[in-house]
Amino acid sequence: MKKEVEFNTNLVKKYQSYYNKEYYERCKINMNKQELEEVLLSNKVPKDLYSLSGGLPNETYCLEKGKNGWHVYYSERGIKTSIGHFENEEVACECLLKIIKKIVSIV
């Protein structure tokens, strides 16, 4: 079980480097949380892979609205591993979608 935890942590660290300001300027998707949910549902992405309402579900990529913006993180065993903090909803949704696209096939 130890290797699985290390793999997930390394996966999250890998994605952190992709999400910088210059990267977003080159490829914007511009979708809100509701539109992201529609894309995920229509592509039959397993619901236990993501949470659009935050919280601490196990082994799940999460999107959460906070006081100072939007937070994308990986939740595992009650621990949040931050992937990114964003000022606007569209960029946070884009981040989460790109992570999920690396894991499952989405049209």
PDB file of N, CA and C in Angstrom:
ATOM      1  N   MET A   1       0.829  -1.193   0.000  1.00  0.00           N
ATOM      2  CA  MET A   1       0.000   0.000   0.000  1.00  0.00           C
ATOM      3  C   MET A   1       0.872   1.255   0.000  1.00  0.00           C
ATOM      4  N   LYS A   2       2.032   1.188   0.561  1.00  0.00           N
ATOM      5  CA  LYS A   2       2.927   2.344   0.619  1.00  0.00           C
ATOM      6  C   LYS A   2       3.262   2.866  -0.773  1.00  0.00           C
ATOM      7  N   LYS A   3       3.546   1.977  -1.733  1.00  0.00           N
ATOM      8  CA  LYS A   3       3.889   2.404  -3.090  1.00  0.00           C
ATOM      9  C   LYS A   3       2.745   3.175  -3.734  1.00  0.00           C
ATOM     10  N   GLU A   4       1.513   2.760  -3.486  1.00  0.00           N
ATOM     11  CA  GLU A   4       0.365   3.443  -4.076  1.00  0.00           C
ATOM     12  C   GLU A   4       0.286   4.895  -3.597  1.00  0.00           C
ATOM     13  N   VAL A   5       0.532   5.122  -2.318  1.00  0.00           N
ATOM     14  CA  VAL A   5       0.511   6.480  -1.773  1.00  0.00           C
ATOM     15  C   VAL A   5       1.608   7.314  -2.417  1.00  0.00           C
ATOM     16  N   GLU A   6       2.792   6.766  -2.560  1.00  0.00           N
ATOM     17  CA  GLU A   6       3.891   7.491  -3.194  1.00  0.00           C
ATOM     18  C   GLU A   6       3.561   7.806  -4.644  1.00  0.00           C
ATOM     19  N   PHE A   7       2.957   6.870  -5.356  1.00  0.00           N
ATOM     20  CA  PHE A   7       2.593   7.093  -6.756  1.00  0.00           C
ATOM     21  C   PHE A   7       1.626   8.262  -6.870  1.00  0.00           C
ATOM     22  N   ASN A   8       0.594   8.268  -6.047  1.00  0.00           N
ATOM     23  CA  ASN A   8      -0.394   9.345  -6.113  1.00  0.00           C
ATOM     24  C   ASN A   8       0.221  10.694  -5.789  1.00  0.00           C
ATOM     25  N   THR A   9       1.085  10.751  -4.812  1.00  0.00           N
ATOM     26  CA  THR A   9       1.740  12.002  -4.456  1.00  0.00           C
ATOM     27  C   THR A   9       2.619  12.480  -5.597  1.00  0.00           C
ATOM     28  N   ASN A  10       3.360  11.591  -6.211  1.00  0.00           N
ATOM     29  CA  ASN A  10       4.203  11.973  -7.343  1.00  0.00           C
ATOM     30  C   ASN A  10       3.367  12.428  -8.530  1.00  0.00           C
ATOM     31  N   LEU A  11       2.224  11.808  -8.744  1.00  0.00           N
ATOM     32  CA  LEU A  11       1.337  12.194  -9.832  1.00  0.00           C
ATOM     33  C   LEU A  11       0.855  13.631  -9.632  1.00  0.00           C
ATOM     34  N   VAL A  12       0.466  13.949  -8.424  1.00  0.00           N
ATOM     35  CA  VAL A  12       0.000  15.306  -8.129  1.00  0.00           C
ATOM     36  C   VAL A  12       1.129  16.305  -8.346  1.00  0.00           C
ATOM     37  N   LYS A  13       2.325  16.000  -7.894  1.00  0.00           N
ATOM     38  CA  LYS A  13       3.464  16.907  -8.077  1.00  0.00           C
ATOM     39  C   LYS A  13       3.753  17.119  -9.561  1.00  0.00           C
ATOM     40  N   LYS A  14       3.597  16.072 -10.351  1.00  0.00           N
ATOM     41  CA  LYS A  14       3.834  16.173 -11.789  1.00  0.00           C
ATOM     42  C   LYS A  14       2.900  17.196 -12.423  1.00  0.00           C
ATOM     43  N   TYR A  15       1.626  17.178 -12.037  1.00  0.00           N
ATOM     44  CA  TYR A  15       0.655  18.088 -12.634  1.00  0.00           C
ATOM     45  C   TYR A  15       0.830  19.522 -12.179  1.00  0.00           C
ATOM     46  N   GLN A  16       1.392  19.748 -10.999  1.00  0.00           N
ATOM     47  CA  GLN A  16       1.576  21.104 -10.505  1.00  0.00           C
ATOM     48  C   GLN A  16       2.410  21.938 -11.473  1.00  0.00           C
ATOM     49  N   SER A  17       3.396  21.349 -12.095  1.00  0.00           N
ATOM     50  CA  SER A  17       4.278  22.103 -12.979  1.00  0.00           C
ATOM     51  C   SER A  17       3.585  22.551 -14.268  1.00  0.00           C
ATOM     52  N   TYR A  18       2.485  21.889 -14.645  1.00  0.00           N
ATOM     53  CA  TYR A  18       1.793  22.245 -15.874  1.00  0.00           C
ATOM     54  C   TYR A  18       0.943  23.513 -15.731  1.00  0.00           C
ATOM     55  N   TYR A  19       0.608  23.854 -14.527  1.00  0.00           N
ATOM     56  CA  TYR A  19      -0.372  24.910 -14.331  1.00  0.00           C
ATOM     57  C   TYR A  19       0.278  26.212 -13.897  1.00  0.00           C
ATOM     58  N   ASN A  20       0.790  26.927 -14.862  1.00  0.00           N
ATOM     59  CA  ASN A  20       1.334  28.246 -14.613  1.00  0.00           C
ATOM     60  C   ASN A  20       0.625  29.236 -15.532  1.00  0.00           C
ATOM     61  N   LYS A  21       0.840  30.500 -15.293  1.00  0.00           N
ATOM     62  CA  LYS A  21       0.113  31.547 -16.013  1.00  0.00           C
ATOM     63  C   LYS A  21       0.316  31.475 -17.528  1.00  0.00           C
ATOM     64  N   GLU A  22       1.545  31.270 -17.970  1.00  0.00           N
ATOM     65  CA  GLU A  22       1.826  31.212 -19.406  1.00  0.00           C
ATOM     66  C   GLU A  22       1.090  30.046 -20.064  1.00  0.00           C
ATOM     67  N   TYR A  23       1.032  28.938 -19.385  1.00  0.00           N
ATOM     68  CA  TYR A  23       0.349  27.757 -19.914  1.00  0.00           C
ATOM     69  C   TYR A  23      -1.138  28.055 -20.122  1.00  0.00           C
ATOM     70  N   TYR A  24      -1.760  28.701 -19.162  1.00  0.00           N
ATOM     71  CA  TYR A  24      -3.179  29.021 -19.269  1.00  0.00           C
ATOM     72  C   TYR A  24      -3.466  29.980 -20.404  1.00  0.00           C
ATOM     73  N   GLU A  25      -2.567  30.916 -20.619  1.00  0.00           N
ATOM     74  CA  GLU A  25      -2.784  31.879 -21.695  1.00  0.00           C
ATOM     75  C   GLU A  25      -2.790  31.194 -23.061  1.00  0.00           C
ATOM     76  N   ARG A  26      -2.032  30.122 -23.207  1.00  0.00           N
ATOM     77  CA  ARG A  26      -1.950  29.415 -24.497  1.00  0.00           C
ATOM     78  C   ARG A  26      -3.159  28.541 -24.773  1.00  0.00           C
ATOM     79  N   CYS A  27      -3.743  27.972 -23.747  1.00  0.00           N
ATOM     80  CA  CYS A  27      -4.846  27.037 -24.005  1.00  0.00           C
ATOM     81  C   CYS A  27      -5.938  27.153 -22.951  1.00  0.00           C
ATOM     82  N   LYS A  28      -6.838  28.078 -23.159  1.00  0.00           N
ATOM     83  CA  LYS A  28      -7.956  28.297 -22.252  1.00  0.00           C
ATOM     84  C   LYS A  28      -9.174  27.508 -22.718  1.00  0.00           C
ATOM     85  N   ILE A  29      -9.897  26.992 -21.782  1.00  0.00           N
ATOM     86  CA  ILE A  29     -11.110  26.250 -22.078  1.00  0.00           C
ATOM     87  C   ILE A  29     -12.346  27.086 -21.735  1.00  0.00           C
ATOM     88  N   ASN A  30     -12.281  27.867 -20.678  1.00  0.00           N
ATOM     89  CA  ASN A  30     -13.366  28.753 -20.240  1.00  0.00           C
ATOM     90  C   ASN A  30     -14.675  28.017 -19.966  1.00  0.00           C
ATOM     91  N   MET A  31     -14.696  27.177 -18.955  1.00  0.00           N
ATOM     92  CA  MET A  31     -15.933  26.526 -18.552  1.00  0.00           C
ATOM     93  C   MET A  31     -16.107  26.689 -17.052  1.00  0.00           C
ATOM     94  N   ASN A  32     -17.360  26.762 -16.624  1.00  0.00           N
ATOM     95  CA  ASN A  32     -17.622  26.865 -15.198  1.00  0.00           C
ATOM     96  C   ASN A  32     -17.861  25.475 -14.616  1.00  0.00           C
ATOM     97  N   LYS A  33     -18.133  25.429 -13.324  1.00  0.00           N
ATOM     98  CA  LYS A  33     -18.292  24.151 -12.629  1.00  0.00           C
ATOM     99  C   LYS A  33     -19.458  23.337 -13.202  1.00  0.00           C
ATOM    100  N   GLN A  34     -20.554  23.981 -13.510  1.00  0.00           N
ATOM    101  CA  GLN A  34     -21.712  23.275 -14.059  1.00  0.00           C
ATOM    102  C   GLN A  34     -21.388  22.671 -15.425  1.00  0.00           C
ATOM    103  N   GLU A  35     -20.700  23.426 -16.264  1.00  0.00           N
ATOM    104  CA  GLU A  35     -20.318  22.924 -17.589  1.00  0.00           C
ATOM    105  C   GLU A  35     -19.303  21.788 -17.467  1.00  0.00           C
ATOM    106  N   LEU A  36     -18.386  21.903 -16.516  1.00  0.00           N
ATOM    107  CA  LEU A  36     -17.422  20.827 -16.275  1.00  0.00           C
ATOM    108  C   LEU A  36     -18.147  19.552 -15.870  1.00  0.00           C
ATOM    109  N   GLU A  37     -19.115  19.684 -14.991  1.00  0.00           N
ATOM    110  CA  GLU A  37     -19.874  18.518 -14.549  1.00  0.00           C
ATOM    111  C   GLU A  37     -20.589  17.861 -15.727  1.00  0.00           C
ATOM    112  N   GLU A  38     -21.162  18.658 -16.617  1.00  0.00           N
ATOM    113  CA  GLU A  38     -21.842  18.121 -17.804  1.00  0.00           C
ATOM    114  C   GLU A  38     -20.876  17.342 -18.690  1.00  0.00           C
ATOM    115  N   VAL A  39     -19.676  17.869 -18.883  1.00  0.00           N
ATOM    116  CA  VAL A  39     -18.660  17.189 -19.691  1.00  0.00           C
ATOM    117  C   VAL A  39     -18.273  15.862 -19.040  1.00  0.00           C
ATOM    118  N   LEU A  40     -18.046  15.879 -17.741  1.00  0.00           N
ATOM    119  CA  LEU A  40     -17.629  14.661 -17.036  1.00  0.00           C
ATOM    120  C   LEU A  40     -18.735  13.604 -17.068  1.00  0.00           C
ATOM    121  N   LEU A  41     -19.976  14.023 -16.851  1.00  0.00           N
ATOM    122  CA  LEU A  41     -21.096  13.077 -16.874  1.00  0.00           C
ATOM    123  C   LEU A  41     -21.333  12.525 -18.268  1.00  0.00           C
ATOM    124  N   SER A  42     -21.294  13.384 -19.283  1.00  0.00           N
ATOM    125  CA  SER A  42     -21.549  12.921 -20.647  1.00  0.00           C
ATOM    126  C   SER A  42     -20.459  11.970 -21.155  1.00  0.00           C
ATOM    127  N   ASN A  43     -19.258  12.082 -20.582  1.00  0.00           N
ATOM    128  CA  ASN A  43     -18.166  11.190 -20.954  1.00  0.00           C
ATOM    129  C   ASN A  43     -18.035   9.994 -20.015  1.00  0.00           C
ATOM    130  N   LYS A  44     -19.008   9.860 -19.121  1.00  0.00           N
ATOM    131  CA  LYS A  44     -19.073   8.725 -18.185  1.00  0.00           C
ATOM    132  C   LYS A  44     -17.799   8.562 -17.367  1.00  0.00           C
ATOM    133  N   VAL A  45     -17.250   9.699 -16.934  1.00  0.00           N
ATOM    134  CA  VAL A  45     -16.090   9.661 -16.040  1.00  0.00           C
ATOM    135  C   VAL A  45     -16.587   9.146 -14.692  1.00  0.00           C
ATOM    136  N   PRO A  46     -15.925   8.138 -14.122  1.00  0.00           N
ATOM    137  CA  PRO A  46     -16.376   7.591 -12.837  1.00  0.00           C
ATOM    138  C   PRO A  46     -16.500   8.686 -11.774  1.00  0.00           C
ATOM    139  N   LYS A  47     -17.652   8.725 -11.115  1.00  0.00           N
ATOM    140  CA  LYS A  47     -17.926   9.776 -10.134  1.00  0.00           C
ATOM    141  C   LYS A  47     -17.003   9.718  -8.921  1.00  0.00           C
ATOM    142  N   ASP A  48     -16.423   8.564  -8.664  1.00  0.00           N
ATOM    143  CA  ASP A  48     -15.517   8.483  -7.514  1.00  0.00           C
ATOM    144  C   ASP A  48     -14.110   9.000  -7.844  1.00  0.00           C
ATOM    145  N   LEU A  49     -13.875   9.405  -9.076  1.00  0.00           N
ATOM    146  CA  LEU A  49     -12.588   9.962  -9.472  1.00  0.00           C
ATOM    147  C   LEU A  49     -12.485  11.447  -9.134  1.00  0.00           C
ATOM    148  N   TYR A  50     -13.629  12.119  -9.016  1.00  0.00           N
ATOM    149  CA  TYR A  50     -13.620  13.569  -8.804  1.00  0.00           C
ATOM    150  C   TYR A  50     -14.744  14.005  -7.862  1.00  0.00           C
ATOM    151  N   SER A  51     -14.566  15.178  -7.286  1.00  0.00           N
ATOM    152  CA  SER A  51     -15.602  15.827  -6.487  1.00  0.00           C
ATOM    153  C   SER A  51     -15.605  17.299  -6.863  1.00  0.00           C
ATOM    154  N   LEU A  52     -16.754  17.817  -7.220  1.00  0.00           N
ATOM    155  CA  LEU A  52     -16.861  19.235  -7.559  1.00  0.00           C
ATOM    156  C   LEU A  52     -17.399  20.040  -6.380  1.00  0.00           C
ATOM    157  N   SER A  53     -17.526  19.383  -5.241  1.00  0.00           N
ATOM    158  CA  SER A  53     -18.016  20.073  -4.051  1.00  0.00           C
ATOM    159  C   SER A  53     -17.003  20.016  -2.903  1.00  0.00           C
ATOM    160  N   GLY A  54     -15.766  19.729  -3.240  1.00  0.00           N
ATOM    161  CA  GLY A  54     -14.712  19.712  -2.221  1.00  0.00           C
ATOM    162  C   GLY A  54     -14.839  18.533  -1.288  1.00  0.00           C
ATOM    163  N   GLY A  55     -14.475  18.760  -0.046  1.00  0.00           N
ATOM    164  CA  GLY A  55     -14.535  17.703   0.951  1.00  0.00           C
ATOM    165  C   GLY A  55     -13.267  16.872   0.969  1.00  0.00           C
ATOM    166  N   LEU A  56     -13.375  15.716   1.618  1.00  0.00           N
ATOM    167  CA  LEU A  56     -12.223  14.829   1.748  1.00  0.00           C
ATOM    168  C   LEU A  56     -12.553  13.395   1.317  1.00  0.00           C
ATOM    169  N   PRO A  57     -13.124  13.217   0.132  1.00  0.00           N
ATOM    170  CA  PRO A  57     -13.355  11.847  -0.334  1.00  0.00           C
ATOM    171  C   PRO A  57     -12.017  11.157  -0.596  1.00  0.00           C
ATOM    172  N   ASN A  58     -11.990   9.846  -0.465  1.00  0.00           N
ATOM    173  CA  ASN A  58     -10.719   9.123  -0.593  1.00  0.00           C
ATOM    174  C   ASN A  58     -10.313   8.931  -2.050  1.00  0.00           C
ATOM    175  N   GLU A  59      -9.038   9.193  -2.335  1.00  0.00           N
ATOM    176  CA  GLU A  59      -8.433   9.010  -3.657  1.00  0.00           C
ATOM    177  C   GLU A  59      -9.256   9.701  -4.750  1.00  0.00           C
ATOM    178  N   THR A  60      -9.465  10.994  -4.584  1.00  0.00           N
ATOM    179  CA  THR A  60     -10.335  11.761  -5.462  1.00  0.00           C
ATOM    180  C   THR A  60      -9.719  13.123  -5.767  1.00  0.00           C
ATOM    181  N   TYR A  61      -9.851  13.562  -7.019  1.00  0.00           N
ATOM    182  CA  TYR A  61      -9.452  14.917  -7.401  1.00  0.00           C
ATOM    183  C   TYR A  61     -10.628  15.838  -7.106  1.00  0.00           C
ATOM    184  N   CYS A  62     -10.353  16.962  -6.454  1.00  0.00           N
ATOM    185  CA  CYS A  62     -11.423  17.816  -5.958  1.00  0.00           C
ATOM    186  C   CYS A  62     -11.298  19.260  -6.428  1.00  0.00           C
ATOM    187  N   LEU A  63     -12.455  19.888  -6.544  1.00  0.00           N
ATOM    188  CA  LEU A  63     -12.570  21.311  -6.844  1.00  0.00           C
ATOM    189  C   LEU A  63     -13.384  21.914  -5.705  1.00  0.00           C
ATOM    190  N   GLU A  64     -12.884  23.000  -5.130  1.00  0.00           N
ATOM    191  CA  GLU A  64     -13.563  23.597  -3.988  1.00  0.00           C
ATOM    192  C   GLU A  64     -13.477  25.112  -4.053  1.00  0.00           C
ATOM    193  N   LYS A  65     -14.616  25.764  -3.824  1.00  0.00           N
ATOM    194  CA  LYS A  65     -14.637  27.224  -3.771  1.00  0.00           C
ATOM    195  C   LYS A  65     -14.330  27.647  -2.350  1.00  0.00           C
ATOM    196  N   GLY A  66     -13.338  28.527  -2.216  1.00  0.00           N
ATOM    197  CA  GLY A  66     -12.966  29.033  -0.911  1.00  0.00           C
ATOM    198  C   GLY A  66     -13.205  30.528  -0.810  1.00  0.00           C
ATOM    199  N   LYS A  67     -12.791  31.117   0.287  1.00  0.00           N
ATOM    200  CA  LYS A  67     -12.956  32.555   0.499  1.00  0.00           C
ATOM    201  C   LYS A  67     -12.151  33.378  -0.499  1.00  0.00           C
ATOM    202  N   ASN A  68     -10.981  32.882  -0.869  1.00  0.00           N
ATOM    203  CA  ASN A  68     -10.078  33.640  -1.740  1.00  0.00           C
ATOM    204  C   ASN A  68      -9.911  33.030  -3.125  1.00  0.00           C
ATOM    205  N   GLY A  69     -10.885  32.277  -3.595  1.00  0.00           N
ATOM    206  CA  GLY A  69     -10.777  31.700  -4.924  1.00  0.00           C
ATOM    207  C   GLY A  69     -11.127  30.227  -4.940  1.00  0.00           C
ATOM    208  N   TRP A  70     -10.566  29.534  -5.909  1.00  0.00           N
ATOM    209  CA  TRP A  70     -10.862  28.126  -6.143  1.00  0.00           C
ATOM    210  C   TRP A  70      -9.627  27.286  -5.895  1.00  0.00           C
ATOM    211  N   HIS A  71      -9.837  26.118  -5.301  1.00  0.00           N
ATOM    212  CA  HIS A  71      -8.734  25.228  -4.946  1.00  0.00           C
ATOM    213  C   HIS A  71      -8.942  23.885  -5.638  1.00  0.00           C
ATOM    214  N   VAL A  72      -7.916  23.401  -6.305  1.00  0.00           N
ATOM    215  CA  VAL A  72      -7.919  22.065  -6.898  1.00  0.00           C
ATOM    216  C   VAL A  72      -6.896  21.251  -6.120  1.00  0.00           C
ATOM    217  N   TYR A  73      -7.314  20.081  -5.666  1.00  0.00           N
ATOM    218  CA  TYR A  73      -6.420  19.256  -4.848  1.00  0.00           C
ATOM    219  C   TYR A  73      -6.767  17.783  -5.004  1.00  0.00           C
ATOM    220  N   TYR A  74      -5.842  16.959  -4.542  1.00  0.00           N
ATOM    221  CA  TYR A  74      -6.069  15.519  -4.509  1.00  0.00           C
ATOM    222  C   TYR A  74      -6.315  15.144  -3.063  1.00  0.00           C
ATOM    223  N   SER A  75      -7.403  14.441  -2.813  1.00  0.00           N
ATOM    224  CA  SER A  75      -7.760  14.034  -1.460  1.00  0.00           C
ATOM    225  C   SER A  75      -7.504  12.539  -1.293  1.00  0.00           C
ATOM    226  N   GLU A  76      -6.788  12.211  -0.234  1.00  0.00           N
ATOM    227  CA  GLU A  76      -6.505  10.805   0.046  1.00  0.00           C
ATOM    228  C   GLU A  76      -6.382  10.610   1.542  1.00  0.00           C
ATOM    229  N   ARG A  77      -7.203   9.704   2.059  1.00  0.00           N
ATOM    230  CA  ARG A  77      -7.181   9.375   3.485  1.00  0.00           C
ATOM    231  C   ARG A  77      -7.277  10.617   4.374  1.00  0.00           C
ATOM    232  N   GLY A  78      -8.140  11.526   4.001  1.00  0.00           N
ATOM    233  CA  GLY A  78      -8.362  12.707   4.816  1.00  0.00           C
ATOM    234  C   GLY A  78      -7.305  13.789   4.693  1.00  0.00           C
ATOM    235  N   ILE A  79      -6.422  13.662   3.711  1.00  0.00           N
ATOM    236  CA  ILE A  79      -5.342  14.641   3.520  1.00  0.00           C
ATOM    237  C   ILE A  79      -5.497  15.287   2.142  1.00  0.00           C
ATOM    238  N   LYS A  80      -5.425  16.621   2.119  1.00  0.00           N
ATOM    239  CA  LYS A  80      -5.479  17.364   0.854  1.00  0.00           C
ATOM    240  C   LYS A  80      -4.061  17.603   0.361  1.00  0.00           C
ATOM    241  N   THR A  81      -3.801  17.242  -0.877  1.00  0.00           N
ATOM    242  CA  THR A  81      -2.536  17.577  -1.530  1.00  0.00           C
ATOM    243  C   THR A  81      -2.865  18.596  -2.611  1.00  0.00           C
ATOM    244  N   SER A  82      -2.424  19.823  -2.396  1.00  0.00           N
ATOM    245  CA  SER A  82      -2.786  20.915  -3.290  1.00  0.00           C
ATOM    246  C   SER A  82      -2.176  20.750  -4.673  1.00  0.00           C
ATOM    247  N   ILE A  83      -2.994  20.992  -5.684  1.00  0.00           N
ATOM    248  CA  ILE A  83      -2.526  21.026  -7.064  1.00  0.00           C
ATOM    249  C   ILE A  83      -2.455  22.474  -7.520  1.00  0.00           C
ATOM    250  N   GLY A  84      -3.412  23.277  -7.084  1.00  0.00           N
ATOM    251  CA  GLY A  84      -3.374  24.680  -7.444  1.00  0.00           C
ATOM    252  C   GLY A  84      -4.471  25.486  -6.774  1.00  0.00           C
ATOM    253  N   HIS A  85      -4.199  26.784  -6.609  1.00  0.00           N
ATOM    254  CA  HIS A  85      -5.175  27.732  -6.082  1.00  0.00           C
ATOM    255  C   HIS A  85      -5.376  28.793  -7.153  1.00  0.00           C
ATOM    256  N   PHE A  86      -6.626  29.074  -7.502  1.00  0.00           N
ATOM    257  CA  PHE A  86      -6.917  29.934  -8.634  1.00  0.00           C
ATOM    258  C   PHE A  86      -7.889  31.032  -8.257  1.00  0.00           C
ATOM    259  N   GLU A  87      -7.720  32.182  -8.879  1.00  0.00           N
ATOM    260  CA  GLU A  87      -8.591  33.323  -8.605  1.00  0.00           C
ATOM    261  C   GLU A  87      -9.961  33.155  -9.241  1.00  0.00           C
ATOM    262  N   ASN A  88     -10.030  32.471 -10.382  1.00  0.00           N
ATOM    263  CA  ASN A  88     -11.341  32.341 -11.022  1.00  0.00           C
ATOM    264  C   ASN A  88     -11.721  30.887 -11.280  1.00  0.00           C
ATOM    265  N   GLU A  89     -13.012  30.697 -11.392  1.00  0.00           N
ATOM    266  CA  GLU A  89     -13.600  29.368 -11.549  1.00  0.00           C
ATOM    267  C   GLU A  89     -13.169  28.688 -12.844  1.00  0.00           C
ATOM    268  N   GLU A  90     -13.091  29.440 -13.926  1.00  0.00           N
ATOM    269  CA  GLU A  90     -12.781  28.853 -15.236  1.00  0.00           C
ATOM    270  C   GLU A  90     -11.403  28.195 -15.250  1.00  0.00           C
ATOM    271  N   VAL A  91     -10.424  28.856 -14.682  1.00  0.00           N
ATOM    272  CA  VAL A  91      -9.064  28.314 -14.675  1.00  0.00           C
ATOM    273  C   VAL A  91      -8.985  27.076 -13.778  1.00  0.00           C
ATOM    274  N   ALA A  92      -9.686  27.103 -12.661  1.00  0.00           N
ATOM    275  CA  ALA A  92      -9.710  25.946 -11.765  1.00  0.00           C
ATOM    276  C   ALA A  92     -10.374  24.749 -12.447  1.00  0.00           C
ATOM    277  N   CYS A  93     -11.476  24.998 -13.147  1.00  0.00           N
ATOM    278  CA  CYS A  93     -12.163  23.915 -13.860  1.00  0.00           C
ATOM    279  C   CYS A  93     -11.278  23.353 -14.965  1.00  0.00           C
ATOM    280  N   GLU A  94     -10.577  24.223 -15.642  1.00  0.00           N
ATOM    281  CA  GLU A  94      -9.656  23.787 -16.695  1.00  0.00           C
ATOM    282  C   GLU A  94      -8.563  22.887 -16.118  1.00  0.00           C
ATOM    283  N   CYS A  95      -8.030  23.276 -15.000  1.00  0.00           N
ATOM    284  CA  CYS A  95      -6.983  22.485 -14.344  1.00  0.00           C
ATOM    285  C   CYS A  95      -7.498  21.088 -14.028  1.00  0.00           C
ATOM    286  N   LEU A  96      -8.662  21.008 -13.403  1.00  0.00           N
ATOM    287  CA  LEU A  96      -9.214  19.712 -13.036  1.00  0.00           C
ATOM    288  C   LEU A  96      -9.516  18.868 -14.267  1.00  0.00           C
ATOM    289  N   LEU A  97     -10.081  19.475 -15.296  1.00  0.00           N
ATOM    290  CA  LEU A  97     -10.396  18.732 -16.517  1.00  0.00           C
ATOM    291  C   LEU A  97      -9.140  18.173 -17.168  1.00  0.00           C
ATOM    292  N   LYS A  98      -8.096  18.954 -17.223  1.00  0.00           N
ATOM    293  CA  LYS A  98      -6.849  18.477 -17.846  1.00  0.00           C
ATOM    294  C   LYS A  98      -6.239  17.316 -17.068  1.00  0.00           C
ATOM    295  N   ILE A  99      -6.352  17.336 -15.764  1.00  0.00           N
ATOM    296  CA  ILE A  99      -5.863  16.219 -14.950  1.00  0.00           C
ATOM    297  C   ILE A  99      -6.684  14.967 -15.249  1.00  0.00           C
ATOM    298  N   ILE A 100      -7.988  15.119 -15.270  1.00  0.00           N
ATOM    299  CA  ILE A 100      -8.863  13.971 -15.524  1.00  0.00           C
ATOM    300  C   ILE A 100      -8.647  13.423 -16.930  1.00  0.00           C
ATOM    301  N   LYS A 101      -8.395  14.295 -17.897  1.00  0.00           N
ATOM    302  CA  LYS A 101      -8.130  13.839 -19.272  1.00  0.00           C
ATOM    303  C   LYS A 101      -6.878  12.976 -19.354  1.00  0.00           C
ATOM    304  N   LYS A 102      -5.926  13.205 -18.483  1.00  0.00           N
ATOM    305  CA  LYS A 102      -4.701  12.386 -18.473  1.00  0.00           C
ATOM    306  C   LYS A 102      -4.988  10.984 -17.922  1.00  0.00           C
ATOM    307  N   ILE A 103      -6.069  10.845 -17.171  1.00  0.00           N
ATOM    308  CA  ILE A 103      -6.379   9.577 -16.520  1.00  0.00           C
ATOM    309  C   ILE A 103      -7.380   8.746 -17.335  1.00  0.00           C
ATOM    310  N   VAL A 104      -8.402   9.410 -17.879  1.00  0.00           N
ATOM    311  CA  VAL A 104      -9.439   8.708 -18.660  1.00  0.00           C
ATOM    312  C   VAL A 104      -9.605   9.386 -20.013  1.00  0.00           C
ATOM    313  N   SER A 105     -10.190   8.681 -20.945  1.00  0.00           N
ATOM    314  CA  SER A 105     -10.438   9.238 -22.285  1.00  0.00           C
ATOM    315  C   SER A 105     -11.693  10.080 -22.261  1.00  0.00           C
ATOM    316  N   ILE A 106     -11.543  11.351 -22.651  1.00  0.00           N
ATOM    317  CA  ILE A 106     -12.679  12.268 -22.733  1.00  0.00           C
ATOM    318  C   ILE A 106     -12.675  12.870 -24.118  1.00  0.00           C
ATOM    319  N   VAL A 107     -13.846  12.921 -24.719  1.00  0.00           N
ATOM    320  CA  VAL A 107     -13.969  13.512 -26.062  1.00  0.00           C
ATOM    321  C   VAL A 107     -13.875  15.009 -25.964  1.00  0.00           C
TER     322      VAL A 107
END
